[in-house]
Amino acid sequence: MASSSIIAVAGSVGVLVFAAARPTPARAGDEARPAASAPGPQRGQDLRPAAALGGEEVLAPAPTYQASDVTVEEHLGARVPLDAKFRTQDGAVVSLGDVLHGGLPAILTFNYSDCPMLCSVQLNGLTAALPKVGELGPAPGAAQGSRGVVFRAGAQFRLVTIDLEPSEALDKARKMRQRYLDRLPEELRGAARDGWTFLVAATPGDAAAIRRVADAVGFRYTYIKERAEWAHPAALIFLSAAGAVTRYLYGIEFDPAVMRESIYKAGLAEPAAAAGFMLRCYHYDPGANSHARAGVMALRIGAAGFVVLLFGALGVMHRMRRSKRSNGVT
């Protein structure tokens, strides 16, 4: 009876030890987050809709979560540094002001070619919306029956993509740009080729200019060394012709009507409230953190040691019972 109780208690403790020793599953970090302008919990908290999480309260990320500051702090009215130097996808050294010349508003994005998922999804969504944005339609806010207008990349506005990877090779930037130009209808492709510029670091490996522009518009990103990835949010940032931020548009699918309105207001240098839900690209793996690895390893060693002791005790008890039987003790 006593031995049965010991085994039951030991088994319960063993289950608890193994449960504690199991590492937390990796979590994909393409998480929906509301626009930064909306009131809510503190930055870094998981803000996925409650319906998607069974209505349960979502706790803040673990202390080892390395991407808590990956977000957008909206800086409406802030001006981008027009003197920041870059290279275009063709290798020409230019300033951001050179690219934004001509009196046109612009859409600014931050991406890089080796992004595991979010960059391609975001730019696919952008190129999917551009043909509808370029159709003839009423000017936003205009009276019914007024003359229609079009908003075409390279004609009525510019597109500027800044590469987050400071060591990005020019040929990768060119291929990335061409991939999205090829998604556009042929009648829009020529103007978009002239109006969509991909910018990489002026000096390979020097991220200073990239960081200057990102800081000016409140775009927060970080490098995850263990995964060789950039953790970053996804946002279209609308700029006036003078380089002032007028609106943030979040998500991976873009309503053509909202896009048209955003471009129109950027042309007027008129700020507008952010729209959409923020996504961010980051794959969280607690095992990639040295402290987490050490903790998990300690728990596993402890669990293994407990198993050895448990089976050792059971073996001793079994030998004692056999010894009593052989001596005639029941």
C-alpha atoms as a PDB file:
ATOM      1  CA  MET A   1       0.000   0.000   0.000  1.00  0.00           C
ATOM      2  CA  ALA A   2       2.793   2.377   0.930  1.00  0.00           C
ATOM      3  CA  SER A   3       4.678   1.542  -2.241  1.00  0.00           C
ATOM      4  CA  SER A   4       1.568   2.268  -4.336  1.00  0.00           C
ATOM      5  CA  SER A   5       1.199   5.664  -2.697  1.00  0.00           C
ATOM      6  CA  ILE A   6       4.847   6.461  -3.330  1.00  0.00           C
ATOM      7  CA  ILE A   7       4.509   5.485  -6.989  1.00  0.00           C
ATOM      8  CA  ALA A   8       1.339   7.590  -7.405  1.00  0.00           C
ATOM      9  CA  VAL A   9       2.952  10.673  -5.855  1.00  0.00           C
ATOM     10  CA  ALA A  10       6.142  10.182  -7.841  1.00  0.00           C
ATOM     11  CA  GLY A  11       4.160   9.808 -11.052  1.00  0.00           C
ATOM     12  CA  SER A  12       2.305  13.061 -10.402  1.00  0.00           C
ATOM     13  CA  VAL A  13       5.532  14.930  -9.721  1.00  0.00           C
ATOM     14  CA  GLY A  14       7.034  13.444 -12.880  1.00  0.00           C
ATOM     15  CA  VAL A  15       4.180  14.750 -15.004  1.00  0.00           C
ATOM     16  CA  LEU A  16       4.633  18.226 -13.545  1.00  0.00           C
ATOM     17  CA  VAL A  17       8.372  18.184 -14.184  1.00  0.00           C
ATOM     18  CA  PHE A  18       7.943  17.092 -17.807  1.00  0.00           C
ATOM     19  CA  ALA A  19       5.250  19.697 -18.385  1.00  0.00           C
ATOM     20  CA  ALA A  20       7.599  22.399 -17.102  1.00  0.00           C
ATOM     21  CA  ALA A  21      10.446  21.055 -19.228  1.00  0.00           C
ATOM     22  CA  ARG A  22       8.548  21.338 -22.498  1.00  0.00           C
ATOM     23  CA  PRO A  23       9.671  24.438 -24.460  1.00  0.00           C
ATOM     24  CA  THR A  24       7.069  26.995 -25.437  1.00  0.00           C
ATOM     25  CA  PRO A  25       6.022  26.477 -29.093  1.00  0.00           C
ATOM     26  CA  ALA A  26       7.405  28.920 -31.609  1.00  0.00           C
ATOM     27  CA  ARG A  27       4.947  31.648 -32.504  1.00  0.00           C
ATOM     28  CA  ALA A  28       4.665  33.316 -35.867  1.00  0.00           C
ATOM     29  CA  GLY A  29       4.884  37.052 -35.484  1.00  0.00           C
ATOM     30  CA  ASP A  30       2.714  38.218 -38.384  1.00  0.00           C
ATOM     31  CA  GLU A  31       0.240  39.505 -35.843  1.00  0.00           C
ATOM     32  CA  ALA A  32      -2.643  41.836 -36.532  1.00  0.00           C
ATOM     33  CA  ARG A  33      -2.359  45.070 -34.614  1.00  0.00           C
ATOM     34  CA  PRO A  34      -4.619  48.101 -34.734  1.00  0.00           C
ATOM     35  CA  ALA A  35      -3.510  51.444 -36.092  1.00  0.00           C
ATOM     36  CA  ALA A  36      -1.082  53.154 -33.741  1.00  0.00           C
ATOM     37  CA  SER A  37      -3.391  56.153 -33.469  1.00  0.00           C
ATOM     38  CA  ALA A  38      -6.127  54.156 -31.789  1.00  0.00           C
ATOM     39  CA  PRO A  39      -6.139  54.117 -27.966  1.00  0.00           C
ATOM     40  CA  GLY A  40      -5.402  50.803 -26.352  1.00  0.00           C
ATOM     41  CA  PRO A  41      -2.900  48.732 -24.410  1.00  0.00           C
ATOM     42  CA  GLN A  42       0.759  49.561 -24.150  1.00  0.00           C
ATOM     43  CA  ARG A  43       3.095  49.082 -27.101  1.00  0.00           C
ATOM     44  CA  GLY A  44       4.364  45.539 -27.480  1.00  0.00           C
ATOM     45  CA  GLN A  45       1.204  43.853 -26.177  1.00  0.00           C
ATOM     46  CA  ASP A  46      -0.439  41.314 -28.489  1.00  0.00           C
ATOM     47  CA  LEU A  47      -3.490  43.099 -29.839  1.00  0.00           C
ATOM     48  CA  ARG A  48      -4.989  40.421 -32.055  1.00  0.00           C
ATOM     49  CA  PRO A  49      -8.804  40.569 -32.078  1.00  0.00           C
ATOM     50  CA  ALA A  50     -10.334  38.706 -29.139  1.00  0.00           C
ATOM     51  CA  ALA A  51     -12.569  36.744 -31.512  1.00  0.00           C
ATOM     52  CA  ALA A  52      -9.499  35.172 -33.095  1.00  0.00           C
ATOM     53  CA  LEU A  53      -8.275  34.072 -29.685  1.00  0.00           C
ATOM     54  CA  GLY A  54     -11.445  32.520 -28.316  1.00  0.00           C
ATOM     55  CA  GLY A  55     -12.387  35.687 -26.436  1.00  0.00           C
ATOM     56  CA  GLU A  56      -9.632  35.150 -23.893  1.00  0.00           C
ATOM     57  CA  GLU A  57      -7.477  37.926 -22.513  1.00  0.00           C
ATOM     58  CA  VAL A  58      -4.153  38.223 -24.316  1.00  0.00           C
ATOM     59  CA  LEU A  59      -1.149  38.627 -22.072  1.00  0.00           C
ATOM     60  CA  ALA A  60       1.888  40.751 -22.823  1.00  0.00           C
ATOM     61  CA  PRO A  61       4.850  39.058 -24.555  1.00  0.00           C
ATOM     62  CA  ALA A  62       7.404  37.188 -22.507  1.00  0.00           C
ATOM     63  CA  PRO A  63      10.474  39.153 -21.305  1.00  0.00           C
ATOM     64  CA  THR A  64      12.587  37.317 -23.905  1.00  0.00           C
ATOM     65  CA  TYR A  65      10.374  38.590 -26.747  1.00  0.00           C
ATOM     66  CA  GLN A  66      12.825  40.588 -28.831  1.00  0.00           C
ATOM     67  CA  ALA A  67      10.350  42.442 -31.054  1.00  0.00           C
ATOM     68  CA  SER A  68       8.182  44.279 -28.549  1.00  0.00           C
ATOM     69  CA  ASP A  69       9.287  47.652 -29.970  1.00  0.00           C
ATOM     70  CA  VAL A  70       8.529  46.703 -33.573  1.00  0.00           C
ATOM     71  CA  THR A  71       5.672  49.085 -34.334  1.00  0.00           C
ATOM     72  CA  VAL A  72       4.836  52.459 -35.861  1.00  0.00           C
ATOM     73  CA  GLU A  73       4.778  55.663 -33.851  1.00  0.00           C
ATOM     74  CA  GLU A  74       2.750  58.001 -36.006  1.00  0.00           C
ATOM     75  CA  HIS A  75       4.471  61.299 -36.762  1.00  0.00           C
ATOM     76  CA  LEU A  76       1.882  63.166 -38.815  1.00  0.00           C
ATOM     77  CA  GLY A  77       3.404  66.317 -40.256  1.00  0.00           C
ATOM     78  CA  ALA A  78       6.987  65.167 -39.720  1.00  0.00           C
ATOM     79  CA  ARG A  79       9.326  65.645 -42.668  1.00  0.00           C
ATOM     80  CA  VAL A  80      11.618  62.958 -43.999  1.00  0.00           C
ATOM     81  CA  PRO A  81      15.329  63.918 -44.247  1.00  0.00           C
ATOM     82  CA  LEU A  82      15.589  64.960 -47.886  1.00  0.00           C
ATOM     83  CA  ASP A  83      19.410  65.003 -47.679  1.00  0.00           C
ATOM     84  CA  ALA A  84      19.643  61.294 -46.765  1.00  0.00           C
ATOM     85  CA  LYS A  85      21.807  59.524 -49.356  1.00  0.00           C
ATOM     86  CA  PHE A  86      20.975  56.207 -51.035  1.00  0.00           C
ATOM     87  CA  ARG A  87      21.651  54.241 -54.185  1.00  0.00           C
ATOM     88  CA  THR A  88      18.834  53.461 -56.578  1.00  0.00           C
ATOM     89  CA  GLN A  89      18.254  49.938 -57.868  1.00  0.00           C
ATOM     90  CA  ASP A  90      20.406  50.968 -60.851  1.00  0.00           C
ATOM     91  CA  GLY A  91      23.341  52.078 -58.688  1.00  0.00           C
ATOM     92  CA  ALA A  92      22.969  55.861 -58.969  1.00  0.00           C
ATOM     93  CA  VAL A  93      23.773  57.731 -55.740  1.00  0.00           C
ATOM     94  CA  VAL A  94      20.880  60.083 -54.965  1.00  0.00           C
ATOM     95  CA  SER A  95      19.369  61.965 -52.057  1.00  0.00           C
ATOM     96  CA  LEU A  96      15.829  61.257 -50.933  1.00  0.00           C
ATOM     97  CA  GLY A  97      15.001  64.784 -52.096  1.00  0.00           C
ATOM     98  CA  ASP A  98      16.182  63.877 -55.609  1.00  0.00           C
ATOM     99  CA  VAL A  99      13.734  60.994 -55.680  1.00  0.00           C
ATOM    100  CA  LEU A 100      10.825  63.057 -54.353  1.00  0.00           C
ATOM    101  CA  HIS A 101      11.288  65.861 -56.877  1.00  0.00           C
ATOM    102  CA  GLY A 102       8.611  67.054 -59.267  1.00  0.00           C
ATOM    103  CA  GLY A 103       5.874  68.206 -56.913  1.00  0.00           C
ATOM    104  CA  LEU A 104       4.157  64.809 -56.609  1.00  0.00           C
ATOM    105  CA  PRO A 105       2.998  63.107 -53.402  1.00  0.00           C
ATOM    106  CA  ALA A 106       4.563  59.752 -52.621  1.00  0.00           C
ATOM    107  CA  ILE A 107       3.907  56.421 -50.944  1.00  0.00           C
ATOM    108  CA  LEU A 108       6.850  55.220 -48.847  1.00  0.00           C
ATOM    109  CA  THR A 109       7.372  51.567 -47.874  1.00  0.00           C
ATOM    110  CA  PHE A 110      10.128  49.693 -46.017  1.00  0.00           C
ATOM    111  CA  ASN A 111      10.892  46.179 -47.271  1.00  0.00           C
ATOM    112  CA  TYR A 112      13.761  43.839 -48.131  1.00  0.00           C
ATOM    113  CA  SER A 113      14.221  40.981 -50.584  1.00  0.00           C
ATOM    114  CA  ASP A 114      14.820  38.112 -48.123  1.00  0.00           C
ATOM    115  CA  CYS A 115      11.816  38.899 -45.940  1.00  0.00           C
ATOM    116  CA  PRO A 116      10.278  35.495 -45.100  1.00  0.00           C
ATOM    117  CA  MET A 117       6.711  36.511 -45.904  1.00  0.00           C
ATOM    118  CA  LEU A 118       5.241  39.893 -45.008  1.00  0.00           C
ATOM    119  CA  CYS A 119       7.101  42.106 -47.508  1.00  0.00           C
ATOM    120  CA  SER A 120       5.943  40.100 -50.512  1.00  0.00           C
ATOM    121  CA  VAL A 121       2.383  39.895 -49.188  1.00  0.00           C
ATOM    122  CA  GLN A 122       2.294  43.651 -48.555  1.00  0.00           C
ATOM    123  CA  LEU A 123       3.720  44.577 -51.965  1.00  0.00           C
ATOM    124  CA  ASN A 124       1.435  42.059 -53.689  1.00  0.00           C
ATOM    125  CA  GLY A 125      -1.494  43.793 -52.005  1.00  0.00           C
ATOM    126  CA  LEU A 126      -0.198  47.188 -53.125  1.00  0.00           C
ATOM    127  CA  THR A 127       0.251  46.147 -56.756  1.00  0.00           C
ATOM    128  CA  ALA A 128      -3.185  44.509 -56.713  1.00  0.00           C
ATOM    129  CA  ALA A 129      -4.764  47.813 -55.653  1.00  0.00           C
ATOM    130  CA  LEU A 130      -2.869  50.089 -58.071  1.00  0.00           C
ATOM    131  CA  PRO A 131      -4.861  49.209 -61.228  1.00  0.00           C
ATOM    132  CA  LYS A 132      -8.150  50.129 -59.535  1.00  0.00           C
ATOM    133  CA  VAL A 133      -6.582  53.253 -58.050  1.00  0.00           C
ATOM    134  CA  GLY A 134      -5.561  54.217 -61.599  1.00  0.00           C
ATOM    135  CA  GLU A 135      -9.070  53.934 -63.045  1.00  0.00           C
ATOM    136  CA  LEU A 136     -11.015  57.055 -63.925  1.00  0.00           C
ATOM    137  CA  GLY A 137     -13.216  58.051 -61.022  1.00  0.00           C
ATOM    138  CA  PRO A 138     -14.510  61.022 -59.071  1.00  0.00           C
ATOM    139  CA  ALA A 139     -12.077  63.069 -57.042  1.00  0.00           C
ATOM    140  CA  PRO A 140     -12.375  62.246 -53.330  1.00  0.00           C
ATOM    141  CA  GLY A 141     -14.830  64.625 -51.699  1.00  0.00           C
ATOM    142  CA  ALA A 142     -15.943  66.118 -55.021  1.00  0.00           C
ATOM    143  CA  ALA A 143     -19.604  66.752 -55.808  1.00  0.00           C
ATOM    144  CA  GLN A 144     -21.487  64.079 -57.698  1.00  0.00           C
ATOM    145  CA  GLY A 145     -21.151  64.481 -61.434  1.00  0.00           C
ATOM    146  CA  SER A 146     -17.824  66.265 -61.248  1.00  0.00           C
ATOM    147  CA  ARG A 147     -15.076  65.481 -63.708  1.00  0.00           C
ATOM    148  CA  GLY A 148     -13.270  62.220 -63.029  1.00  0.00           C
ATOM    149  CA  VAL A 149      -9.604  61.880 -62.151  1.00  0.00           C
ATOM    150  CA  VAL A 150      -7.030  59.078 -62.219  1.00  0.00           C
ATOM    151  CA  PHE A 151      -4.216  58.303 -59.770  1.00  0.00           C
ATOM    152  CA  ARG A 152      -1.425  56.450 -61.526  1.00  0.00           C
ATOM    153  CA  ALA A 153       2.006  55.617 -60.135  1.00  0.00           C
ATOM    154  CA  GLY A 154       4.617  57.704 -61.914  1.00  0.00           C
ATOM    155  CA  ALA A 155       2.076  60.246 -63.142  1.00  0.00           C
ATOM    156  CA  GLN A 156       0.013  61.482 -60.191  1.00  0.00           C
ATOM    157  CA  PHE A 157       2.167  60.071 -57.383  1.00  0.00           C
ATOM    158  CA  ARG A 158       5.447  58.292 -56.714  1.00  0.00           C
ATOM    159  CA  LEU A 159       6.341  55.037 -54.986  1.00  0.00           C
ATOM    160  CA  VAL A 160       9.524  54.801 -52.913  1.00  0.00           C
ATOM    161  CA  THR A 161      10.664  51.545 -51.308  1.00  0.00           C
ATOM    162  CA  ILE A 162      13.595  51.738 -48.882  1.00  0.00           C
ATOM    163  CA  ASP A 163      15.444  48.461 -48.386  1.00  0.00           C
ATOM    164  CA  LEU A 164      15.834  47.587 -44.699  1.00  0.00           C
ATOM    165  CA  GLU A 165      18.851  45.354 -45.364  1.00  0.00           C
ATOM    166  CA  PRO A 166      21.898  47.687 -45.517  1.00  0.00           C
ATOM    167  CA  SER A 167      23.958  45.031 -47.313  1.00  0.00           C
ATOM    168  CA  GLU A 168      21.349  44.360 -50.000  1.00  0.00           C
ATOM    169  CA  ALA A 169      22.929  43.691 -53.389  1.00  0.00           C
ATOM    170  CA  LEU A 170      21.755  45.890 -56.256  1.00  0.00           C
ATOM    171  CA  ASP A 171      20.786  42.936 -58.419  1.00  0.00           C
ATOM    172  CA  LYS A 172      18.455  41.647 -55.683  1.00  0.00           C
ATOM    173  CA  ALA A 173      16.855  45.082 -55.374  1.00  0.00           C
ATOM    174  CA  ARG A 174      16.408  45.249 -59.161  1.00  0.00           C
ATOM    175  CA  LYS A 175      14.837  41.799 -59.314  1.00  0.00           C
ATOM    176  CA  MET A 176      12.538  42.616 -56.416  1.00  0.00           C
ATOM    177  CA  ARG A 177      11.361  45.820 -58.120  1.00  0.00           C
ATOM    178  CA  GLN A 178      10.869  44.101 -61.468  1.00  0.00           C
ATOM    179  CA  ARG A 179       8.846  41.329 -59.851  1.00  0.00           C
ATOM    180  CA  TYR A 180       6.226  43.815 -58.675  1.00  0.00           C
ATOM    181  CA  LEU A 181       6.290  45.933 -61.819  1.00  0.00           C
ATOM    182  CA  ASP A 182       5.485  42.763 -63.775  1.00  0.00           C
ATOM    183  CA  ARG A 183       2.321  42.346 -61.716  1.00  0.00           C
ATOM    184  CA  LEU A 184       0.903  45.604 -63.074  1.00  0.00           C
ATOM    185  CA  PRO A 185      -1.155  45.814 -66.288  1.00  0.00           C
ATOM    186  CA  GLU A 186       0.951  46.727 -69.294  1.00  0.00           C
ATOM    187  CA  GLU A 187      -0.728  50.123 -69.693  1.00  0.00           C
ATOM    188  CA  LEU A 188       0.403  51.127 -66.183  1.00  0.00           C
ATOM    189  CA  ARG A 189       3.835  49.538 -66.224  1.00  0.00           C
ATOM    190  CA  GLY A 190       5.745  52.203 -68.171  1.00  0.00           C
ATOM    191  CA  ALA A 191       4.795  55.098 -65.905  1.00  0.00           C
ATOM    192  CA  ALA A 192       5.268  52.949 -62.784  1.00  0.00           C
ATOM    193  CA  ARG A 193       8.773  52.002 -63.928  1.00  0.00           C
ATOM    194  CA  ASP A 194       9.694  55.692 -63.907  1.00  0.00           C
ATOM    195  CA  GLY A 195       7.780  56.429 -60.716  1.00  0.00           C
ATOM    196  CA  TRP A 196       8.713  53.501 -58.442  1.00  0.00           C
ATOM    197  CA  THR A 197      12.213  53.726 -56.994  1.00  0.00           C
ATOM    198  CA  PHE A 198      13.900  51.127 -54.808  1.00  0.00           C
ATOM    199  CA  LEU A 199      16.588  52.599 -52.551  1.00  0.00           C
ATOM    200  CA  VAL A 200      19.451  50.714 -50.882  1.00  0.00           C
ATOM    201  CA  ALA A 201      22.213  51.944 -48.584  1.00  0.00           C
ATOM    202  CA  ALA A 202      24.594  54.362 -50.295  1.00  0.00           C
ATOM    203  CA  THR A 203      27.505  52.471 -48.718  1.00  0.00           C
ATOM    204  CA  PRO A 204      26.903  48.726 -48.382  1.00  0.00           C
ATOM    205  CA  GLY A 205      26.486  47.833 -44.721  1.00  0.00           C
ATOM    206  CA  ASP A 206      25.855  51.422 -43.587  1.00  0.00           C
ATOM    207  CA  ALA A 207      22.297  51.626 -42.235  1.00  0.00           C
ATOM    208  CA  ALA A 208      22.498  55.249 -41.021  1.00  0.00           C
ATOM    209  CA  ALA A 209      20.357  56.782 -43.784  1.00  0.00           C
ATOM    210  CA  ILE A 210      17.800  53.979 -43.601  1.00  0.00           C
ATOM    211  CA  ARG A 211      17.495  54.502 -39.864  1.00  0.00           C
ATOM    212  CA  ARG A 212      17.219  58.296 -40.247  1.00  0.00           C
ATOM    213  CA  VAL A 213      14.225  58.032 -42.553  1.00  0.00           C
ATOM    214  CA  ALA A 214      12.606  55.289 -40.462  1.00  0.00           C
ATOM    215  CA  ASP A 215      13.016  57.324 -37.279  1.00  0.00           C
ATOM    216  CA  ALA A 216      11.580  60.426 -38.947  1.00  0.00           C
ATOM    217  CA  VAL A 217       8.342  58.617 -39.828  1.00  0.00           C
ATOM    218  CA  GLY A 218       8.210  56.518 -36.631  1.00  0.00           C
ATOM    219  CA  PHE A 219       8.856  53.171 -38.318  1.00  0.00           C
ATOM    220  CA  ARG A 220      10.375  50.900 -35.618  1.00  0.00           C
ATOM    221  CA  TYR A 221      12.234  47.784 -36.689  1.00  0.00           C
ATOM    222  CA  THR A 222      15.053  45.595 -35.369  1.00  0.00           C
ATOM    223  CA  TYR A 223      17.457  42.906 -36.552  1.00  0.00           C
ATOM    224  CA  ILE A 224      17.065  39.390 -35.125  1.00  0.00           C
ATOM    225  CA  LYS A 225      20.583  38.016 -35.302  1.00  0.00           C
ATOM    226  CA  GLU A 226      19.656  34.431 -34.410  1.00  0.00           C
ATOM    227  CA  ARG A 227      17.317  34.209 -37.413  1.00  0.00           C
ATOM    228  CA  ALA A 228      19.122  36.666 -39.725  1.00  0.00           C
ATOM    229  CA  GLU A 229      15.829  38.521 -40.209  1.00  0.00           C
ATOM    230  CA  TRP A 230      14.499  42.035 -39.835  1.00  0.00           C
ATOM    231  CA  ALA A 231      11.485  42.267 -37.550  1.00  0.00           C
ATOM    232  CA  HIS A 232       9.358  45.088 -38.898  1.00  0.00           C
ATOM    233  CA  PRO A 233       5.781  46.317 -39.269  1.00  0.00           C
ATOM    234  CA  ALA A 234       3.976  46.740 -42.577  1.00  0.00           C
ATOM    235  CA  ALA A 235       2.772  50.232 -43.453  1.00  0.00           C
ATOM    236  CA  LEU A 236       2.204  52.486 -46.424  1.00  0.00           C
ATOM    237  CA  ILE A 237       3.346  55.968 -45.424  1.00  0.00           C
ATOM    238  CA  PHE A 238       1.925  58.796 -47.517  1.00  0.00           C
ATOM    239  CA  LEU A 239       4.099  61.869 -48.042  1.00  0.00           C
ATOM    240  CA  SER A 240       3.305  65.290 -49.413  1.00  0.00           C
ATOM    241  CA  ALA A 241       5.361  66.702 -52.277  1.00  0.00           C
ATOM    242  CA  ALA A 242       7.532  68.420 -49.638  1.00  0.00           C
ATOM    243  CA  GLY A 243       8.167  65.122 -47.827  1.00  0.00           C
ATOM    244  CA  ALA A 244       5.779  65.579 -44.879  1.00  0.00           C
ATOM    245  CA  VAL A 245       3.891  62.579 -43.486  1.00  0.00           C
ATOM    246  CA  THR A 246       0.160  62.858 -44.185  1.00  0.00           C
ATOM    247  CA  ARG A 247      -1.198  59.373 -43.469  1.00  0.00           C
ATOM    248  CA  TYR A 248      -0.395  55.794 -42.426  1.00  0.00           C
ATOM    249  CA  LEU A 249      -2.201  52.899 -44.081  1.00  0.00           C
ATOM    250  CA  TYR A 250      -1.722  49.478 -42.478  1.00  0.00           C
ATOM    251  CA  GLY A 251      -2.364  45.936 -43.645  1.00  0.00           C
ATOM    252  CA  ILE A 252      -1.766  43.776 -46.693  1.00  0.00           C
ATOM    253  CA  GLU A 253      -4.959  44.534 -48.628  1.00  0.00           C
ATOM    254  CA  PHE A 254      -5.737  48.105 -49.566  1.00  0.00           C
ATOM    255  CA  ASP A 255      -9.142  49.540 -50.408  1.00  0.00           C
ATOM    256  CA  PRO A 256      -8.751  51.471 -53.694  1.00  0.00           C
ATOM    257  CA  ALA A 257     -11.139  54.187 -52.437  1.00  0.00           C
ATOM    258  CA  VAL A 258      -9.010  54.704 -49.308  1.00  0.00           C
ATOM    259  CA  MET A 259      -5.861  54.707 -51.446  1.00  0.00           C
ATOM    260  CA  ARG A 260      -7.306  57.351 -53.778  1.00  0.00           C
ATOM    261  CA  GLU A 261      -8.347  59.506 -50.839  1.00  0.00           C
ATOM    262  CA  SER A 262      -4.904  59.119 -49.235  1.00  0.00           C
ATOM    263  CA  ILE A 263      -3.069  60.126 -52.406  1.00  0.00           C
ATOM    264  CA  TYR A 264      -5.423  63.046 -52.940  1.00  0.00           C
ATOM    265  CA  LYS A 265      -4.923  64.366 -49.413  1.00  0.00           C
ATOM    266  CA  ALA A 266      -1.157  63.856 -49.653  1.00  0.00           C
ATOM    267  CA  GLY A 267      -1.230  66.033 -52.769  1.00  0.00           C
ATOM    268  CA  LEU A 268      -2.930  68.737 -50.695  1.00  0.00           C
ATOM    269  CA  ALA A 269      -0.493  68.169 -47.785  1.00  0.00           C
ATOM    270  CA  GLU A 270      -3.569  67.458 -45.663  1.00  0.00           C
ATOM    271  CA  PRO A 271      -3.098  64.972 -42.769  1.00  0.00           C
ATOM    272  CA  ALA A 272      -5.575  62.141 -42.292  1.00  0.00           C
ATOM    273  CA  ALA A 273      -6.210  59.533 -39.601  1.00  0.00           C
ATOM    274  CA  ALA A 274      -4.534  56.149 -40.005  1.00  0.00           C
ATOM    275  CA  ALA A 275      -6.532  53.253 -41.438  1.00  0.00           C
ATOM    276  CA  GLY A 276      -6.275  49.467 -41.358  1.00  0.00           C
ATOM    277  CA  PHE A 277      -4.699  46.992 -38.958  1.00  0.00           C
ATOM    278  CA  MET A 278      -0.966  46.828 -38.424  1.00  0.00           C
ATOM    279  CA  LEU A 279       0.879  43.605 -39.180  1.00  0.00           C
ATOM    280  CA  ARG A 280       4.455  42.854 -38.278  1.00  0.00           C
ATOM    281  CA  CYS A 281       6.850  40.256 -39.566  1.00  0.00           C
ATOM    282  CA  TYR A 282       8.596  38.327 -36.827  1.00  0.00           C
ATOM    283  CA  HIS A 283       8.909  34.638 -35.963  1.00  0.00           C
ATOM    284  CA  TYR A 284       9.260  34.279 -32.203  1.00  0.00           C
ATOM    285  CA  ASP A 285      11.295  31.300 -31.056  1.00  0.00           C
ATOM    286  CA  PRO A 286      12.071  31.317 -27.318  1.00  0.00           C
ATOM    287  CA  GLY A 287      14.756  28.704 -27.929  1.00  0.00           C
ATOM    288  CA  ALA A 288      16.747  31.289 -29.889  1.00  0.00           C
ATOM    289  CA  ASN A 289      17.404  33.239 -26.689  1.00  0.00           C
ATOM    290  CA  SER A 290      20.409  32.025 -24.688  1.00  0.00           C
ATOM    291  CA  HIS A 291      18.635  32.497 -21.352  1.00  0.00           C
ATOM    292  CA  ALA A 292      15.624  30.555 -22.569  1.00  0.00           C
ATOM    293  CA  ARG A 293      17.848  27.769 -23.906  1.00  0.00           C
ATOM    294  CA  ALA A 294      19.649  27.527 -20.564  1.00  0.00           C
ATOM    295  CA  GLY A 295      16.365  27.397 -18.654  1.00  0.00           C
ATOM    296  CA  VAL A 296      14.877  24.716 -20.881  1.00  0.00           C
ATOM    297  CA  MET A 297      18.081  22.660 -20.702  1.00  0.00           C
ATOM    298  CA  ALA A 298      18.121  22.879 -16.887  1.00  0.00           C
ATOM    299  CA  LEU A 299      14.521  21.674 -16.716  1.00  0.00           C
ATOM    300  CA  ARG A 300      15.259  18.791 -19.076  1.00  0.00           C
ATOM    301  CA  ILE A 301      18.290  17.723 -17.059  1.00  0.00           C
ATOM    302  CA  GLY A 302      16.202  17.914 -13.889  1.00  0.00           C
ATOM    303  CA  ALA A 303      13.452  15.828 -15.472  1.00  0.00           C
ATOM    304  CA  ALA A 304      15.942  13.212 -16.663  1.00  0.00           C
ATOM    305  CA  GLY A 305      17.518  13.034 -13.197  1.00  0.00           C
ATOM    306  CA  PHE A 306      14.096  12.574 -11.612  1.00  0.00           C
ATOM    307  CA  VAL A 307      13.299   9.682 -13.965  1.00  0.00           C
ATOM    308  CA  VAL A 308      16.585   7.963 -13.061  1.00  0.00           C
ATOM    309  CA  LEU A 309      15.859   8.334  -9.334  1.00  0.00           C
ATOM    310  CA  LEU A 310      12.257   7.155  -9.781  1.00  0.00           C
ATOM    311  CA  PHE A 311      13.212   3.971 -11.592  1.00  0.00           C
ATOM    312  CA  GLY A 312      16.081   3.397  -9.173  1.00  0.00           C
ATOM    313  CA  ALA A 313      13.657   3.591  -6.242  1.00  0.00           C
ATOM    314  CA  LEU A 314      11.204   1.254  -7.953  1.00  0.00           C
ATOM    315  CA  GLY A 315      14.018  -1.234  -8.584  1.00  0.00           C
ATOM    316  CA  VAL A 316      15.089  -1.170  -4.906  1.00  0.00           C
ATOM    317  CA  MET A 317      11.462  -1.695  -3.787  1.00  0.00           C
ATOM    318  CA  HIS A 318      11.074  -4.611  -6.214  1.00  0.00           C
ATOM    319  CA  ARG A 319      14.246  -6.313  -4.943  1.00  0.00           C
ATOM    320  CA  MET A 320      13.094  -5.858  -1.314  1.00  0.00           C
ATOM    321  CA  ARG A 321       9.748  -7.556  -2.063  1.00  0.00           C
ATOM    322  CA  ARG A 322      11.476 -10.479  -3.762  1.00  0.00           C
ATOM    323  CA  SER A 323      13.891 -10.821  -0.831  1.00  0.00           C
ATOM    324  CA  LYS A 324      10.991 -10.994   1.649  1.00  0.00           C
ATOM    325  CA  ARG A 325       9.214 -13.636  -0.419  1.00  0.00           C
ATOM    326  CA  SER A 326      12.349 -15.778  -0.621  1.00  0.00           C
ATOM    327  CA  ASN A 327      12.667 -15.604   3.208  1.00  0.00           C
ATOM    328  CA  GLY A 328       9.079 -16.738   3.660  1.00  0.00           C
ATOM    329  CA  VAL A 329       7.768 -13.331   4.724  1.00  0.00           C
ATOM    330  CA  THR A 330       4.367 -12.430   3.258  1.00  0.00           C
END
